Amino acid sequence: MAKLPQLLTRHFKKSEKEATKLQTSVPRAATEAEIAADTTELAVQLSRLNVGQGDHVLVCLEQAEVAAVVEKAVWRLGAQLHRLPATTTAVELEAALQAEPMTAMLVRDDLLGTVKAERSTVTRLVPLKTTTSVTLIRDRSLVGHLPQTTA
């Protein structure tokens, strides 16, 4: 036990000029209320872009909590969810988009250029409580869900 304080003393003497990093905050889990509010907000944003029953929505995000929010919002609208792993490359994403046209897409920031390339899109930045924001992309070349009118 006597060696540990000596080792620590030597370490701190060697690294006096280097900044010591201490992790003071632990990422907290989202509450049920935050998840419910985000699900509602995302469902509203999707429906404003005419995404609904039977439309295809592609999701490739890193954060599990955000992916769960997206999943709930898509299911609420009756759309079909196509999930890609968070490690998907741009080439794999492009192949998936060529195989099946997607009405809406939510992807990592580094994949936004791949989705927008050679497509006419509408992009919305949706602020959420479970993360800073998510970029929602709607392919304008696909008709998508048209709102039902009442007579």
C-alpha atoms as a PDB file:
ATOM      1  CA  MET A   1       0.000   0.000   0.000  1.00  0.00           C
ATOM      2  CA  ALA A   2       2.861   2.386   0.641  1.00  0.00           C
ATOM      3  CA  LYS A   3       3.922   2.164  -3.017  1.00  0.00           C
ATOM      4  CA  LEU A   4       0.658   3.533  -4.380  1.00  0.00           C
ATOM      5  CA  PRO A   5       1.018   7.030  -2.850  1.00  0.00           C
ATOM      6  CA  GLN A   6       4.615   7.146  -4.025  1.00  0.00           C
ATOM      7  CA  LEU A   7       3.612   6.186  -7.572  1.00  0.00           C
ATOM      8  CA  LEU A   8       0.871   8.804  -7.606  1.00  0.00           C
ATOM      9  CA  THR A   9       3.240  11.467  -6.291  1.00  0.00           C
ATOM     10  CA  ARG A  10       5.756  10.662  -9.045  1.00  0.00           C
ATOM     11  CA  HIS A  11       3.026  10.684 -11.685  1.00  0.00           C
ATOM     12  CA  PHE A  12       1.726  14.095 -10.658  1.00  0.00           C
ATOM     13  CA  LYS A  13       5.218  15.565 -10.466  1.00  0.00           C
ATOM     14  CA  LYS A  14       5.928  14.363 -14.017  1.00  0.00           C
ATOM     15  CA  SER A  15       2.660  15.693 -15.353  1.00  0.00           C
ATOM     16  CA  GLU A  16       2.445  19.022 -13.506  1.00  0.00           C
ATOM     17  CA  LYS A  17       2.467  20.933 -16.759  1.00  0.00           C
ATOM     18  CA  GLU A  18      -0.132  18.695 -18.397  1.00  0.00           C
ATOM     19  CA  ALA A  19      -3.779  19.325 -17.717  1.00  0.00           C
ATOM     20  CA  THR A  20      -5.426  16.648 -15.632  1.00  0.00           C
ATOM     21  CA  LYS A  21      -8.832  15.733 -16.998  1.00  0.00           C
ATOM     22  CA  LEU A  22     -11.501  14.653 -14.584  1.00  0.00           C
ATOM     23  CA  GLN A  23     -14.873  13.486 -15.786  1.00  0.00           C
ATOM     24  CA  THR A  24     -17.296  15.460 -13.687  1.00  0.00           C
ATOM     25  CA  SER A  25     -20.516  14.619 -15.467  1.00  0.00           C
ATOM     26  CA  VAL A  26     -21.983  11.295 -16.447  1.00  0.00           C
ATOM     27  CA  PRO A  27     -24.398  11.292 -19.379  1.00  0.00           C
ATOM     28  CA  ARG A  28     -27.856  10.918 -17.942  1.00  0.00           C
ATOM     29  CA  ALA A  29     -30.582   8.740 -19.340  1.00  0.00           C
ATOM     30  CA  ALA A  30     -33.614  10.420 -20.860  1.00  0.00           C
ATOM     31  CA  THR A  31     -36.814  10.410 -18.860  1.00  0.00           C
ATOM     32  CA  GLU A  32     -40.044   8.880 -20.127  1.00  0.00           C
ATOM     33  CA  ALA A  33     -41.526  12.372 -20.457  1.00  0.00           C
ATOM     34  CA  GLU A  34     -38.624  13.506 -22.668  1.00  0.00           C
ATOM     35  CA  ILE A  35     -38.941  10.421 -24.864  1.00  0.00           C
ATOM     36  CA  ALA A  36     -42.717  10.932 -25.185  1.00  0.00           C
ATOM     37  CA  ALA A  37     -42.278  14.623 -26.073  1.00  0.00           C
ATOM     38  CA  ASP A  38     -39.606  13.806 -28.671  1.00  0.00           C
ATOM     39  CA  THR A  39     -41.759  11.058 -30.184  1.00  0.00           C
ATOM     40  CA  THR A  40     -44.668  13.470 -30.570  1.00  0.00           C
ATOM     41  CA  GLU A  41     -42.450  16.214 -32.043  1.00  0.00           C
ATOM     42  CA  LEU A  42     -40.859  13.868 -34.563  1.00  0.00           C
ATOM     43  CA  ALA A  43     -44.237  12.375 -35.552  1.00  0.00           C
ATOM     44  CA  VAL A  44     -45.577  15.896 -36.138  1.00  0.00           C
ATOM     45  CA  GLN A  45     -42.554  16.859 -38.254  1.00  0.00           C
ATOM     46  CA  LEU A  46     -42.835  13.658 -40.316  1.00  0.00           C
ATOM     47  CA  SER A  47     -46.562  14.158 -40.910  1.00  0.00           C
ATOM     48  CA  ARG A  48     -45.969  17.791 -41.962  1.00  0.00           C
ATOM     49  CA  LEU A  49     -43.702  16.383 -44.665  1.00  0.00           C
ATOM     50  CA  ASN A  50     -46.524  14.028 -45.765  1.00  0.00           C
ATOM     51  CA  VAL A  51     -44.925  10.898 -44.348  1.00  0.00           C
ATOM     52  CA  GLY A  52     -47.514   8.432 -43.173  1.00  0.00           C
ATOM     53  CA  GLN A  53     -49.233   5.095 -43.708  1.00  0.00           C
ATOM     54  CA  GLY A  54     -47.147   2.750 -45.853  1.00  0.00           C
ATOM     55  CA  ASP A  55     -44.247   5.149 -46.491  1.00  0.00           C
ATOM     56  CA  HIS A  56     -40.673   3.924 -46.021  1.00  0.00           C
ATOM     57  CA  VAL A  57     -38.410   5.668 -43.499  1.00  0.00           C
ATOM     58  CA  LEU A  58     -34.693   4.862 -43.316  1.00  0.00           C
ATOM     59  CA  VAL A  59     -32.874   5.292 -39.998  1.00  0.00           C
ATOM     60  CA  CYS A  60     -29.107   5.161 -39.490  1.00  0.00           C
ATOM     61  CA  LEU A  61     -28.276   6.862 -36.175  1.00  0.00           C
ATOM     62  CA  GLU A  62     -25.683   6.255 -33.473  1.00  0.00           C
ATOM     63  CA  GLN A  63     -27.649   7.065 -30.315  1.00  0.00           C
ATOM     64  CA  ALA A  64     -29.910   4.261 -29.127  1.00  0.00           C
ATOM     65  CA  GLU A  65     -32.337   6.596 -27.329  1.00  0.00           C
ATOM     66  CA  VAL A  66     -32.874   8.695 -30.445  1.00  0.00           C
ATOM     67  CA  ALA A  67     -33.322   5.575 -32.575  1.00  0.00           C
ATOM     68  CA  ALA A  68     -36.041   4.427 -30.144  1.00  0.00           C
ATOM     69  CA  VAL A  69     -37.793   7.814 -30.435  1.00  0.00           C
ATOM     70  CA  VAL A  70     -37.672   7.638 -34.234  1.00  0.00           C
ATOM     71  CA  GLU A  71     -38.989   4.079 -34.188  1.00  0.00           C
ATOM     72  CA  LYS A  72     -41.968   5.045 -32.014  1.00  0.00           C
ATOM     73  CA  ALA A  73     -42.758   8.108 -34.156  1.00  0.00           C
ATOM     74  CA  VAL A  74     -42.619   6.099 -37.394  1.00  0.00           C
ATOM     75  CA  TRP A  75     -44.830   3.359 -35.974  1.00  0.00           C
ATOM     76  CA  ARG A  76     -47.299   5.978 -34.716  1.00  0.00           C
ATOM     77  CA  LEU A  77     -47.733   7.196 -38.306  1.00  0.00           C
ATOM     78  CA  GLY A  78     -48.057   3.686 -39.732  1.00  0.00           C
ATOM     79  CA  ALA A  79     -44.921   4.011 -41.862  1.00  0.00           C
ATOM     80  CA  GLN A  80     -42.407   1.217 -42.435  1.00  0.00           C
ATOM     81  CA  LEU A  81     -39.086   1.516 -40.645  1.00  0.00           C
ATOM     82  CA  HIS A  82     -35.843   0.419 -42.316  1.00  0.00           C
ATOM     83  CA  ARG A  83     -33.023   0.398 -39.804  1.00  0.00           C
ATOM     84  CA  LEU A  84     -29.368   0.327 -40.818  1.00  0.00           C
ATOM     85  CA  PRO A  85     -26.522  -0.273 -38.353  1.00  0.00           C
ATOM     86  CA  ALA A  86     -24.791   2.811 -36.956  1.00  0.00           C
ATOM     87  CA  THR A  87     -21.572   1.626 -38.618  1.00  0.00           C
ATOM     88  CA  THR A  88     -23.044   1.791 -42.131  1.00  0.00           C
ATOM     89  CA  THR A  89     -20.721   3.363 -44.694  1.00  0.00           C
ATOM     90  CA  ALA A  90     -21.719   5.837 -47.408  1.00  0.00           C
ATOM     91  CA  VAL A  91     -21.397   3.130 -50.079  1.00  0.00           C
ATOM     92  CA  GLU A  92     -23.658   0.754 -48.129  1.00  0.00           C
ATOM     93  CA  LEU A  93     -26.189   3.540 -47.574  1.00  0.00           C
ATOM     94  CA  GLU A  94     -26.259   4.417 -51.267  1.00  0.00           C
ATOM     95  CA  ALA A  95     -26.786   0.736 -52.142  1.00  0.00           C
ATOM     96  CA  ALA A  96     -29.705   0.545 -49.679  1.00  0.00           C
ATOM     97  CA  LEU A  97     -31.265   3.689 -51.160  1.00  0.00           C
ATOM     98  CA  GLN A  98     -30.911   2.302 -54.693  1.00  0.00           C
ATOM     99  CA  ALA A  99     -32.514  -1.010 -53.670  1.00  0.00           C
ATOM    100  CA  GLU A 100     -35.574   0.605 -52.076  1.00  0.00           C
ATOM    101  CA  PRO A 101     -36.697   4.219 -52.446  1.00  0.00           C
ATOM    102  CA  MET A 102     -37.197   5.874 -49.050  1.00  0.00           C
ATOM    103  CA  THR A 103     -39.704   8.645 -48.478  1.00  0.00           C
ATOM    104  CA  ALA A 104     -37.819  10.009 -45.463  1.00  0.00           C
ATOM    105  CA  MET A 105     -34.375   9.445 -43.989  1.00  0.00           C
ATOM    106  CA  LEU A 106     -32.724  10.163 -40.647  1.00  0.00           C
ATOM    107  CA  VAL A 107     -28.991   9.528 -40.826  1.00  0.00           C
ATOM    108  CA  ARG A 108     -25.741  10.443 -39.094  1.00  0.00           C
ATOM    109  CA  ASP A 109     -24.308  13.859 -39.976  1.00  0.00           C
ATOM    110  CA  ASP A 110     -21.450  12.355 -41.995  1.00  0.00           C
ATOM    111  CA  LEU A 111     -23.974  10.590 -44.290  1.00  0.00           C
ATOM    112  CA  LEU A 112     -26.086  13.666 -45.120  1.00  0.00           C
ATOM    113  CA  GLY A 113     -24.183  14.366 -48.341  1.00  0.00           C
ATOM    114  CA  THR A 114     -24.750  10.816 -49.555  1.00  0.00           C
ATOM    115  CA  VAL A 115     -28.499  11.078 -49.012  1.00  0.00           C
ATOM    116  CA  LYS A 116     -28.799  14.514 -50.642  1.00  0.00           C
ATOM    117  CA  ALA A 117     -26.631  13.661 -53.662  1.00  0.00           C
ATOM    118  CA  GLU A 118     -28.671  13.436 -56.849  1.00  0.00           C
ATOM    119  CA  ARG A 119     -31.967  13.761 -54.972  1.00  0.00           C
ATOM    120  CA  SER A 120     -34.397  16.618 -54.624  1.00  0.00           C
ATOM    121  CA  THR A 121     -34.841  16.843 -50.874  1.00  0.00           C
ATOM    122  CA  VAL A 122     -36.362  18.909 -48.108  1.00  0.00           C
ATOM    123  CA  THR A 123     -34.248  19.026 -44.950  1.00  0.00           C
ATOM    124  CA  ARG A 124     -35.434  19.915 -41.464  1.00  0.00           C
ATOM    125  CA  LEU A 125     -33.380  20.158 -38.321  1.00  0.00           C
ATOM    126  CA  VAL A 126     -35.596  18.838 -35.520  1.00  0.00           C
ATOM    127  CA  PRO A 127     -34.497  19.835 -31.992  1.00  0.00           C
ATOM    128  CA  LEU A 128     -35.094  17.072 -29.454  1.00  0.00           C
ATOM    129  CA  LYS A 129     -34.784  16.697 -25.699  1.00  0.00           C
ATOM    130  CA  THR A 130     -32.979  13.321 -25.863  1.00  0.00           C
ATOM    131  CA  THR A 131     -30.247  14.754 -28.132  1.00  0.00           C
ATOM    132  CA  THR A 132     -29.314  18.139 -29.528  1.00  0.00           C
ATOM    133  CA  SER A 133     -31.077  17.646 -32.863  1.00  0.00           C
ATOM    134  CA  VAL A 134     -31.813  15.231 -35.686  1.00  0.00           C
ATOM    135  CA  THR A 135     -31.773  16.030 -39.394  1.00  0.00           C
ATOM    136  CA  LEU A 136     -34.916  14.837 -41.158  1.00  0.00           C
ATOM    137  CA  ILE A 137     -34.650  14.477 -44.935  1.00  0.00           C
ATOM    138  CA  ARG A 138     -37.682  14.064 -47.207  1.00  0.00           C
ATOM    139  CA  ASP A 139     -37.246  12.883 -50.806  1.00  0.00           C
ATOM    140  CA  ARG A 140     -39.452  15.218 -52.863  1.00  0.00           C
ATOM    141  CA  SER A 141     -39.461  12.933 -55.907  1.00  0.00           C
ATOM    142  CA  LEU A 142     -41.600  10.381 -54.032  1.00  0.00           C
ATOM    143  CA  VAL A 143     -45.269  11.187 -53.535  1.00  0.00           C
ATOM    144  CA  GLY A 144     -45.523   9.770 -50.043  1.00  0.00           C
ATOM    145  CA  HIS A 145     -48.589   9.826 -47.874  1.00  0.00           C
ATOM    146  CA  LEU A 146     -51.275  12.307 -48.747  1.00  0.00           C
ATOM    147  CA  PRO A 147     -53.416  13.542 -45.848  1.00  0.00           C
ATOM    148  CA  GLN A 148     -56.949  12.194 -45.832  1.00  0.00           C
ATOM    149  CA  THR A 149     -59.665  14.756 -46.417  1.00  0.00           C
ATOM    150  CA  THR A 150     -63.040  14.584 -44.764  1.00  0.00           C
ATOM    151  CA  ALA A 151     -66.182  15.258 -46.762  1.00  0.00           C
END
